[in-house]
PDB file of N, CA and C in Angstrom:
ATOM      1  N   MET A   1      -3.848 173.496  67.707  1.00  0.00           N
ATOM      2  CA  MET A   1      -4.987 173.571  68.271  1.00  0.00           C
ATOM      3  C   MET A   1      -5.081 175.130  69.097  1.00  0.00           C
ATOM      4  N   VAL A   2      -4.128 175.732  68.079  1.00  0.00           N
ATOM      5  CA  VAL A   2      -3.996 176.958  68.092  1.00  0.00           C
ATOM      6  C   VAL A   2      -4.886 177.686  67.209  1.00  0.00           C
ATOM      7  N   GLY A   3      -6.276 178.649  68.117  1.00  0.00           N
ATOM      8  CA  GLY A   3      -7.252 178.836  67.177  1.00  0.00           C
ATOM      9  C   GLY A   3      -8.434 178.291  67.429  1.00  0.00           C
ATOM     10  N   LYS A   4      -8.320 177.148  67.647  1.00  0.00           N
ATOM     11  CA  LYS A   4      -9.737 176.164  68.067  1.00  0.00           C
ATOM     12  C   LYS A   4     -10.230 176.682  69.718  1.00  0.00           C
ATOM     13  N   SER A   5     -11.595 176.851  69.873  1.00  0.00           N
ATOM     14  CA  SER A   5     -11.947 177.074  70.805  1.00  0.00           C
ATOM     15  C   SER A   5     -12.242 175.594  71.387  1.00  0.00           C
ATOM     16  N   ILE A   6     -12.430 175.992  72.938  1.00  0.00           N
ATOM     17  CA  ILE A   6     -12.567 174.517  73.709  1.00  0.00           C
ATOM     18  C   ILE A   6     -14.099 174.424  73.521  1.00  0.00           C
ATOM     19  N   PHE A   7     -14.348 175.010  73.324  1.00  0.00           N
ATOM     20  CA  PHE A   7     -16.358 174.304  73.302  1.00  0.00           C
ATOM     21  C   PHE A   7     -16.368 174.679  71.552  1.00  0.00           C
ATOM     22  N   ASN A   8     -17.196 173.479  71.350  1.00  0.00           N
ATOM     23  CA  ASN A   8     -17.513 173.485  70.069  1.00  0.00           C
ATOM     24  C   ASN A   8     -18.778 174.240  69.931  1.00  0.00           C
ATOM     25  N   THR A   9     -19.418 175.447  69.437  1.00  0.00           N
ATOM     26  CA  THR A   9     -20.495 175.820  69.508  1.00  0.00           C
ATOM     27  C   THR A   9     -21.196 175.099  68.937  1.00  0.00           C
ATOM     28  N   ASN A  10     -20.771 174.772  67.496  1.00  0.00           N
ATOM     29  CA  ASN A  10     -22.308 173.960  66.629  1.00  0.00           C
ATOM     30  C   ASN A  10     -22.601 173.062  67.866  1.00  0.00           C
ATOM     31  N   LYS A  11     -22.149 171.822  68.022  1.00  0.00           N
ATOM     32  CA  LYS A  11     -22.509 171.032  69.121  1.00  0.00           C
ATOM     33  C   LYS A  11     -23.199 171.388  70.186  1.00  0.00           C
ATOM     34  N   TRP A  12     -22.919 172.348  70.830  1.00  0.00           N
ATOM     35  CA  TRP A  12     -23.489 172.958  71.949  1.00  0.00           C
ATOM     36  C   TRP A  12     -25.007 173.385  71.494  1.00  0.00           C
ATOM     37  N   TYR A  13     -25.240 174.195  70.198  1.00  0.00           N
ATOM     38  CA  TYR A  13     -26.417 174.527  70.181  1.00  0.00           C
ATOM     39  C   TYR A  13     -27.440 173.293  69.334  1.00  0.00           C
ATOM     40  N   ARG A  14     -26.676 172.548  68.616  1.00  0.00           N
ATOM     41  CA  ARG A  14     -27.490 171.206  68.379  1.00  0.00           C
ATOM     42  C   ARG A  14     -28.129 170.577  70.084  1.00  0.00           C
ATOM     43  N   TYR A  15     -27.086 170.421  70.821  1.00  0.00           N
ATOM     44  CA  TYR A  15     -27.499 169.958  71.796  1.00  0.00           C
ATOM     45  C   TYR A  15     -28.589 170.272  72.473  1.00  0.00           C
ATOM     46  N   SER A  16     -28.377 171.864  72.667  1.00  0.00           N
ATOM     47  CA  SER A  16     -29.164 172.565  73.505  1.00  0.00           C
ATOM     48  C   SER A  16     -30.657 172.601  72.548  1.00  0.00           C
ATOM     49  N   PHE A  17     -30.736 172.671  71.221  1.00  0.00           N
ATOM     50  CA  PHE A  17     -31.910 172.533  70.353  1.00  0.00           C
ATOM     51  C   PHE A  17     -32.919 171.496  70.584  1.00  0.00           C
ATOM     52  N   ALA A  18     -32.299 170.339  70.783  1.00  0.00           N
ATOM     53  CA  ALA A  18     -32.767 168.503  71.078  1.00  0.00           C
ATOM     54  C   ALA A  18     -32.914 168.758  72.611  1.00  0.00           C
ATOM     55  N   SER A  19     -32.612 169.288  73.392  1.00  0.00           N
ATOM     56  CA  SER A  19     -32.761 169.204  74.869  1.00  0.00           C
ATOM     57  C   SER A  19     -34.045 169.979  75.052  1.00  0.00           C
ATOM     58  N   PHE A  20     -33.956 171.284  74.147  1.00  0.00           N
ATOM     59  CA  PHE A  20     -35.254 172.046  74.321  1.00  0.00           C
ATOM     60  C   PHE A  20     -36.834 171.166  74.100  1.00  0.00           C
ATOM     61  N   ILE A  21     -36.519 170.620  72.727  1.00  0.00           N
ATOM     62  CA  ILE A  21     -37.811 169.769  71.952  1.00  0.00           C
ATOM     63  C   ILE A  21     -37.712 168.598  72.858  1.00  0.00           C
ATOM     64  N   ALA A  22     -37.121 167.991  73.406  1.00  0.00           N
ATOM     65  CA  ALA A  22     -37.229 167.154  74.667  1.00  0.00           C
ATOM     66  C   ALA A  22     -37.818 167.311  76.029  1.00  0.00           C
ATOM     67  N   TRP A  23     -37.536 168.195  76.179  1.00  0.00           N
ATOM     68  CA  TRP A  23     -38.318 169.187  77.335  1.00  0.00           C
ATOM     69  C   TRP A  23     -39.641 169.475  77.052  1.00  0.00           C
ATOM     70  N   ILE A  24     -40.018 170.229  75.885  1.00  0.00           N
ATOM     71  CA  ILE A  24     -41.380 170.380  75.751  1.00  0.00           C
ATOM     72  C   ILE A  24     -42.056 169.139  75.563  1.00  0.00           C
ATOM     73  N   PHE A  25     -41.752 167.792  75.183  1.00  0.00           N
ATOM     74  CA  PHE A  25     -42.188 166.579  74.760  1.00  0.00           C
ATOM     75  C   PHE A  25     -42.634 166.056  75.900  1.00  0.00           C
ATOM     76  N   MET A  26     -41.553 166.111  76.820  1.00  0.00           N
ATOM     77  CA  MET A  26     -41.779 165.546  78.353  1.00  0.00           C
ATOM     78  C   MET A  26     -42.850 166.718  79.176  1.00  0.00           C
ATOM     79  N   SER A  27     -42.818 167.611  79.482  1.00  0.00           N
ATOM     80  CA  SER A  27     -43.963 168.693  79.838  1.00  0.00           C
ATOM     81  C   SER A  27     -45.301 168.066  79.504  1.00  0.00           C
ATOM     82  N   PHE A  28     -45.379 167.965  77.932  1.00  0.00           N
ATOM     83  CA  PHE A  28     -46.615 167.436  77.052  1.00  0.00           C
ATOM     84  C   PHE A  28     -47.301 166.404  77.738  1.00  0.00           C
ATOM     85  N   ILE A  29     -46.140 165.587  77.619  1.00  0.00           N
ATOM     86  CA  ILE A  29     -46.807 164.148  78.279  1.00  0.00           C
ATOM     87  C   ILE A  29     -46.886 164.336  80.002  1.00  0.00           C
ATOM     88  N   VAL A  30     -46.144 164.770  80.699  1.00  0.00           N
ATOM     89  CA  VAL A  30     -46.586 164.940  81.867  1.00  0.00           C
ATOM     90  C   VAL A  30     -47.879 165.717  82.385  1.00  0.00           C
ATOM     91  N   GLY A  31     -47.940 166.626  81.417  1.00  0.00           N
ATOM     92  CA  GLY A  31     -49.100 167.350  81.763  1.00  0.00           C
ATOM     93  C   GLY A  31     -50.396 166.381  81.342  1.00  0.00           C
ATOM     94  N   TRP A  32     -50.651 165.825  80.297  1.00  0.00           N
ATOM     95  CA  TRP A  32     -51.797 164.776  79.739  1.00  0.00           C
ATOM     96  C   TRP A  32     -51.893 163.687  80.834  1.00  0.00           C
ATOM     97  N   LEU A  33     -50.434 163.154  81.381  1.00  0.00           N
ATOM     98  CA  LEU A  33     -50.656 161.841  82.270  1.00  0.00           C
ATOM     99  C   LEU A  33     -50.970 162.116  83.640  1.00  0.00           C
ATOM    100  N   PHE A  34     -50.406 163.368  83.996  1.00  0.00           N
ATOM    101  CA  PHE A  34     -50.586 163.710  85.602  1.00  0.00           C
ATOM    102  C   PHE A  34     -51.235 164.842  86.068  1.00  0.00           C
ATOM    103  N   LEU A  35     -51.189 165.831  85.219  1.00  0.00           N
ATOM    104  CA  LEU A  35     -51.760 167.366  85.692  1.00  0.00           C
ATOM    105  C   LEU A  35     -53.259 167.366  85.237  1.00  0.00           C
ATOM    106  N   ILE A  36     -53.734 166.911  84.326  1.00  0.00           N
ATOM    107  CA  ILE A  36     -54.774 167.450  83.792  1.00  0.00           C
ATOM    108  C   ILE A  36     -55.883 166.277  84.487  1.00  0.00           C
ATOM    109  N   PRO A  37     -55.135 164.583  84.737  1.00  0.00           N
ATOM    110  CA  PRO A  37     -56.264 164.475  85.535  1.00  0.00           C
ATOM    111  C   PRO A  37     -56.565 164.874  87.014  1.00  0.00           C
ATOM    112  N   ILE A  38     -54.798 165.319  87.613  1.00  0.00           N
ATOM    113  CA  ILE A  38     -55.141 165.869  88.586  1.00  0.00           C
ATOM    114  C   ILE A  38     -56.090 166.812  88.950  1.00  0.00           C
ATOM    115  N   VAL A  39     -55.998 167.626  88.333  1.00  0.00           N
ATOM    116  CA  VAL A  39     -56.831 168.880  88.234  1.00  0.00           C
ATOM    117  C   VAL A  39     -58.436 168.397  87.852  1.00  0.00           C
ATOM    118  N   VAL A  40     -58.693 167.244  86.897  1.00  0.00           N
ATOM    119  CA  VAL A  40     -59.822 167.025  86.960  1.00  0.00           C
ATOM    120  C   VAL A  40     -60.691 166.371  88.198  1.00  0.00           C
ATOM    121  N   ALA A  41     -59.565 165.241  88.745  1.00  0.00           N
ATOM    122  CA  ALA A  41     -60.048 164.554  89.800  1.00  0.00           C
ATOM    123  C   ALA A  41     -60.245 165.744  91.295  1.00  0.00           C
ATOM    124  N   GLY A  42     -59.545 166.780  91.336  1.00  0.00           N
ATOM    125  CA  GLY A  42     -59.585 167.822  92.000  1.00  0.00           C
ATOM    126  C   GLY A  42     -61.307 168.677  91.903  1.00  0.00           C
ATOM    127  N   LEU A  43     -61.062 168.751  90.628  1.00  0.00           N
ATOM    128  CA  LEU A  43     -62.569 169.763  90.449  1.00  0.00           C
ATOM    129  C   LEU A  43     -63.736 168.459  90.597  1.00  0.00           C
ATOM    130  N   LEU A  44     -63.735 167.495  90.379  1.00  0.00           N
ATOM    131  CA  LEU A  44     -64.849 166.866  90.711  1.00  0.00           C
ATOM    132  C   LEU A  44     -65.240 166.608  92.632  1.00  0.00           C
ATOM    133  N   VAL A  45     -64.063 166.416  93.086  1.00  0.00           N
ATOM    134  CA  VAL A  45     -64.094 166.591  94.640  1.00  0.00           C
ATOM    135  C   VAL A  45     -64.889 167.714  95.187  1.00  0.00           C
ATOM    136  N   TYR A  46     -64.373 168.536  94.591  1.00  0.00           N
ATOM    137  CA  TYR A  46     -64.879 170.038  94.661  1.00  0.00           C
ATOM    138  C   TYR A  46     -66.357 170.438  94.708  1.00  0.00           C
ATOM    139  N   GLY A  47     -66.844 169.614  93.518  1.00  0.00           N
ATOM    140  CA  GLY A  47     -67.981 170.071  93.307  1.00  0.00           C
ATOM    141  C   GLY A  47     -68.743 168.572  94.144  1.00  0.00           C
ATOM    142  N   TYR A  48     -68.392 167.742  94.504  1.00  0.00           N
ATOM    143  CA  TYR A  48     -68.879 166.840  95.450  1.00  0.00           C
ATOM    144  C   TYR A  48     -69.211 167.591  96.781  1.00  0.00           C
ATOM    145  N   ILE A  49     -68.375 167.897  97.106  1.00  0.00           N
ATOM    146  CA  ILE A  49     -68.221 168.691  98.397  1.00  0.00           C
ATOM    147  C   ILE A  49     -69.439 169.824  98.332  1.00  0.00           C
ATOM    148  N   VAL A  50     -69.355 170.782  97.535  1.00  0.00           N
ATOM    149  CA  VAL A  50     -70.265 171.835  97.104  1.00  0.00           C
ATOM    150  C   VAL A  50     -71.657 171.122  97.118  1.00  0.00           C
ATOM    151  N   TYR A  51     -72.147 170.558  96.454  1.00  0.00           N
ATOM    152  CA  TYR A  51     -73.065 169.490  96.249  1.00  0.00           C
ATOM    153  C   TYR A  51     -73.504 169.093  97.740  1.00  0.00           C
ATOM    154  N   ILE A  52     -72.715 168.352  98.765  1.00  0.00           N
ATOM    155  CA  ILE A  52     -73.242 167.908  99.576  1.00  0.00           C
ATOM    156  C   ILE A  52     -73.574 168.732 100.715  1.00  0.00           C
ATOM    157  N   LYS A  53     -72.810 170.299 100.725  1.00  0.00           N
ATOM    158  CA  LYS A  53     -72.985 171.285 101.711  1.00  0.00           C
ATOM    159  C   LYS A  53     -74.500 171.957 101.002  1.00  0.00           C
ATOM    160  N   GLU A  54     -75.085 171.961 100.178  1.00  0.00           N
ATOM    161  CA  GLU A  54     -75.734 172.709  99.493  1.00  0.00           C
ATOM    162  C   GLU A  54     -77.136 171.445  99.559  1.00  0.00           C
ATOM    163  N   ARG A  55     -77.166 170.195  99.646  1.00  0.00           N
ATOM    164  CA  ARG A  55     -77.916 169.283  99.914  1.00  0.00           C
ATOM    165  C   ARG A  55     -78.999 169.519 100.861  1.00  0.00           C
ATOM    166  N   LYS A  56     -78.311 169.848 102.177  1.00  0.00           N
ATOM    167  CA  LYS A  56     -78.822 170.034 103.300  1.00  0.00           C
ATOM    168  C   LYS A  56     -80.047 171.055 103.375  1.00  0.00           C
ATOM    169  N   ASP A  57     -79.593 172.065 102.389  1.00  0.00           N
ATOM    170  CA  ASP A  57     -80.708 173.536 102.511  1.00  0.00           C
ATOM    171  C   ASP A  57     -82.083 173.405 101.102  1.00  0.00           C
ATOM    172  N   ARG A  58     -82.032 172.089 100.671  1.00  0.00           N
ATOM    173  CA  ARG A  58     -83.102 172.138  99.769  1.00  0.00           C
ATOM    174  C   ARG A  58     -84.341 171.733 100.504  1.00  0.00           C
ATOM    175  N   ILE A  59     -85.621 172.140 100.088  1.00  0.00           N
ATOM    176  CA  ILE A  59     -86.708 172.052 100.551  1.00  0.00           C
ATOM    177  C   ILE A  59     -87.189 170.982  99.684  1.00  0.00           C
ATOM    178  N   THR A  60     -87.921 169.705 100.280  1.00  0.00           N
ATOM    179  CA  THR A  60     -88.590 168.750  99.324  1.00  0.00           C
ATOM    180  C   THR A  60     -89.879 168.881  99.531  1.00  0.00           C
ATOM    181  N   VAL A  61     -90.976 169.289  98.518  1.00  0.00           N
ATOM    182  CA  VAL A  61     -92.224 169.363  98.489  1.00  0.00           C
ATOM    183  C   VAL A  61     -93.255 168.157  98.033  1.00  0.00           C
ATOM    184  N   ALA A  62     -94.082 167.637  98.822  1.00  0.00           N
ATOM    185  CA  ALA A  62     -94.768 166.601  98.657  1.00  0.00           C
ATOM    186  C   ALA A  62     -96.183 167.191  98.493  1.00  0.00           C
ATOM    187  N   ILE A  63     -96.652 166.697  97.468  1.00  0.00           N
ATOM    188  CA  ILE A  63     -98.160 167.101  96.710  1.00  0.00           C
ATOM    189  C   ILE A  63     -98.824 165.797  96.647  1.00  0.00           C
ATOM    190  N   LYS A  64    -100.447 165.948  97.175  1.00  0.00           N
ATOM    191  CA  LYS A  64    -101.389 164.874  96.356  1.00  0.00           C
ATOM    192  C   LYS A  64    -101.806 165.386  95.548  1.00  0.00           C
ATOM    193  N   PRO A  65    -101.960 164.235  94.211  1.00  0.00           N
ATOM    194  CA  PRO A  65    -102.298 164.268  93.327  1.00  0.00           C
ATOM    195  C   PRO A  65    -103.940 164.549  93.546  1.00  0.00           C
ATOM    196  N   THR A  66    -104.410 165.818  92.480  1.00  0.00           N
ATOM    197  CA  THR A  66    -105.984 166.497  92.554  1.00  0.00           C
ATOM    198  C   THR A  66    -106.493 165.681  91.610  1.00  0.00           C
ATOM    199  N   GLU A  67    -107.638 165.419  91.651  1.00  0.00           N
ATOM    200  CA  GLU A  67    -108.779 165.086  90.492  1.00  0.00           C
ATOM    201  C   GLU A  67    -108.241 164.963  89.017  1.00  0.00           C
ATOM    202  N   ALA A  68    -107.701 166.710  88.916  1.00  0.00           N
ATOM    203  CA  ALA A  68    -107.701 166.858  87.829  1.00  0.00           C
ATOM    204  C   ALA A  68    -106.373 166.086  86.809  1.00  0.00           C
ATOM    205  N   MET A  69    -105.270 165.800  88.000  1.00  0.00           N
ATOM    206  CA  MET A  69    -103.743 164.936  87.971  1.00  0.00           C
ATOM    207  C   MET A  69    -104.259 164.174  87.297  1.00  0.00           C
ATOM    208  N   LYS A  70    -105.131 163.386  88.052  1.00  0.00           N
ATOM    209  CA  LYS A  70    -105.662 161.681  88.284  1.00  0.00           C
ATOM    210  C   LYS A  70    -106.092 161.715  86.619  1.00  0.00           C
ATOM    211  N   ALA A  71    -106.879 162.377  86.473  1.00  0.00           N
ATOM    212  CA  ALA A  71    -107.745 162.599  85.285  1.00  0.00           C
ATOM    213  C   ALA A  71    -106.708 162.698  83.963  1.00  0.00           C
ATOM    214  N   LEU A  72    -105.885 163.374  84.266  1.00  0.00           N
ATOM    215  CA  LEU A  72    -104.639 163.483  83.143  1.00  0.00           C
ATOM    216  C   LEU A  72    -103.772 162.259  83.056  1.00  0.00           C
ATOM    217  N   ALA A  73    -103.954 161.673  84.302  1.00  0.00           N
ATOM    218  CA  ALA A  73    -102.744 160.454  83.842  1.00  0.00           C
ATOM    219  C   ALA A  73    -103.688 159.581  83.371  1.00  0.00           C
ATOM    220  N   ARG A  74    -104.991 159.470  83.616  1.00  0.00           N
ATOM    221  CA  ARG A  74    -105.664 158.437  82.779  1.00  0.00           C
ATOM    222  C   ARG A  74    -105.405 158.633  81.259  1.00  0.00           C
ATOM    223  N   ARG A  75    -106.183 159.609  80.897  1.00  0.00           N
ATOM    224  CA  ARG A  75    -105.936 159.843  79.546  1.00  0.00           C
ATOM    225  C   ARG A  75    -104.744 159.641  78.840  1.00  0.00           C
ATOM    226  N   GLU A  76    -103.417 159.867  79.667  1.00  0.00           N
ATOM    227  CA  GLU A  76    -102.608 160.020  79.140  1.00  0.00           C
ATOM    228  C   GLU A  76    -101.947 158.273  78.683  1.00  0.00           C
ATOM    229  N   ALA A  77    -102.138 157.652  79.910  1.00  0.00           N
ATOM    230  CA  ALA A  77    -102.605 156.373  80.029  1.00  0.00           C
ATOM    231  C   ALA A  77    -103.312 155.381  78.636  1.00  0.00           C
ATOM    232  N   GLU A  78    -104.445 156.104  78.597  1.00  0.00           N
ATOM    233  CA  GLU A  78    -105.936 155.708  77.396  1.00  0.00           C
ATOM    234  C   GLU A  78    -104.813 155.792  75.919  1.00  0.00           C
ATOM    235  N   LEU A  79    -104.118 157.171  75.743  1.00  0.00           N
ATOM    236  CA  LEU A  79    -103.759 157.185  74.774  1.00  0.00           C
ATOM    237  C   LEU A  79    -102.735 156.485  74.363  1.00  0.00           C
ATOM    238  N   GLU A  80    -102.107 156.312  75.164  1.00  0.00           N
ATOM    239  CA  GLU A  80    -100.590 155.124  74.997  1.00  0.00           C
ATOM    240  C   GLU A  80    -101.077 153.988  74.676  1.00  0.00           C
ATOM    241  N   ARG A  81    -101.889 153.500  75.230  1.00  0.00           N
ATOM    242  CA  ARG A  81    -102.976 151.823  74.994  1.00  0.00           C
ATOM    243  C   ARG A  81    -103.404 151.789  73.895  1.00  0.00           C
ATOM    244  N   GLU A  82    -103.751 152.916  73.180  1.00  0.00           N
ATOM    245  CA  GLU A  82    -104.614 153.377  71.721  1.00  0.00           C
ATOM    246  C   GLU A  82    -103.367 153.272  70.408  1.00  0.00           C
ATOM    247  N   LYS A  83    -102.425 154.073  71.296  1.00  0.00           N
ATOM    248  CA  LYS A  83    -101.333 153.782  70.293  1.00  0.00           C
ATOM    249  C   LYS A  83    -100.859 152.559  69.931  1.00  0.00           C
ATOM    250  N   LYS A  84    -100.365 151.871  70.976  1.00  0.00           N
ATOM    251  CA  LYS A  84     -99.909 150.411  70.702  1.00  0.00           C
ATOM    252  C   LYS A  84    -100.863 149.605  70.171  1.00  0.00           C
ATOM    253  N   ARG A  85    -102.159 149.901  70.152  1.00  0.00           N
ATOM    254  CA  ARG A  85    -103.261 149.030  69.267  1.00  0.00           C
ATOM    255  C   ARG A  85    -102.760 149.214  68.192  1.00  0.00           C
ATOM    256  N   ILE A  86    -102.836 150.740  67.853  1.00  0.00           N
ATOM    257  CA  ILE A  86    -102.844 151.163  66.184  1.00  0.00           C
ATOM    258  C   ILE A  86    -101.349 150.464  65.384  1.00  0.00           C
ATOM    259  N   LEU A  87    -100.442 150.652  66.582  1.00  0.00           N
ATOM    260  CA  LEU A  87     -98.966 149.807  65.879  1.00  0.00           C
ATOM    261  C   LEU A  87     -99.169 148.605  65.894  1.00  0.00           C
ATOM    262  N   PHE A  88     -99.958 147.795  66.745  1.00  0.00           N
ATOM    263  CA  PHE A  88    -100.091 146.530  66.553  1.00  0.00           C
ATOM    264  C   PHE A  88    -100.991 146.136  65.331  1.00  0.00           C
ATOM    265  N   GLU A  89    -101.895 146.736  65.420  1.00  0.00           N
ATOM    266  CA  GLU A  89    -102.924 146.466  63.924  1.00  0.00           C
ATOM    267  C   GLU A  89    -101.967 146.553  62.650  1.00  0.00           C
ATOM    268  N   GLU A  90    -101.240 147.713  62.638  1.00  0.00           N
ATOM    269  CA  GLU A  90    -100.341 148.399  61.359  1.00  0.00           C
ATOM    270  C   GLU A  90     -99.608 147.406  60.999  1.00  0.00           C
ATOM    271  N   PHE A  91     -98.430 146.735  61.997  1.00  0.00           N
ATOM    272  CA  PHE A  91     -97.299 146.475  61.731  1.00  0.00           C
ATOM    273  C   PHE A  91     -97.168 144.741  62.577  1.00  0.00           C
ATOM    274  N   GLY A  92     -98.437 144.458  63.236  1.00  0.00           N
ATOM    275  CA  GLY A  92     -98.502 143.055  63.655  1.00  0.00           C
ATOM    276  C   GLY A  92     -97.803 142.885  64.909  1.00  0.00           C
ATOM    277  N   ARG A  93     -96.601 143.982  65.473  1.00  0.00           N
ATOM    278  CA  ARG A  93     -96.226 143.479  66.579  1.00  0.00           C
ATOM    279  C   ARG A  93     -95.573 145.045  67.198  1.00  0.00           C
TER     280      ARG A  93
END
């Protein structure tokens, strides 16, 4: 045993490298399984809280339709009926 070191450095390097690779893999798995979903859930909760706080400051405006708006809606409905009629004539259904 004279001249031999107590520590086998070749094994020590090999096992430390394998441990390092395993540590990187476990960190990756923990990040994907736990950290990223926790961060996403936190951001969703934060966004919802901000949305609720700002919702009370909104102003809702209700307007009565004018005659021009009613005429435009009637024209659009008429065009839609005409389109359906033409499609029915062309394709049968």
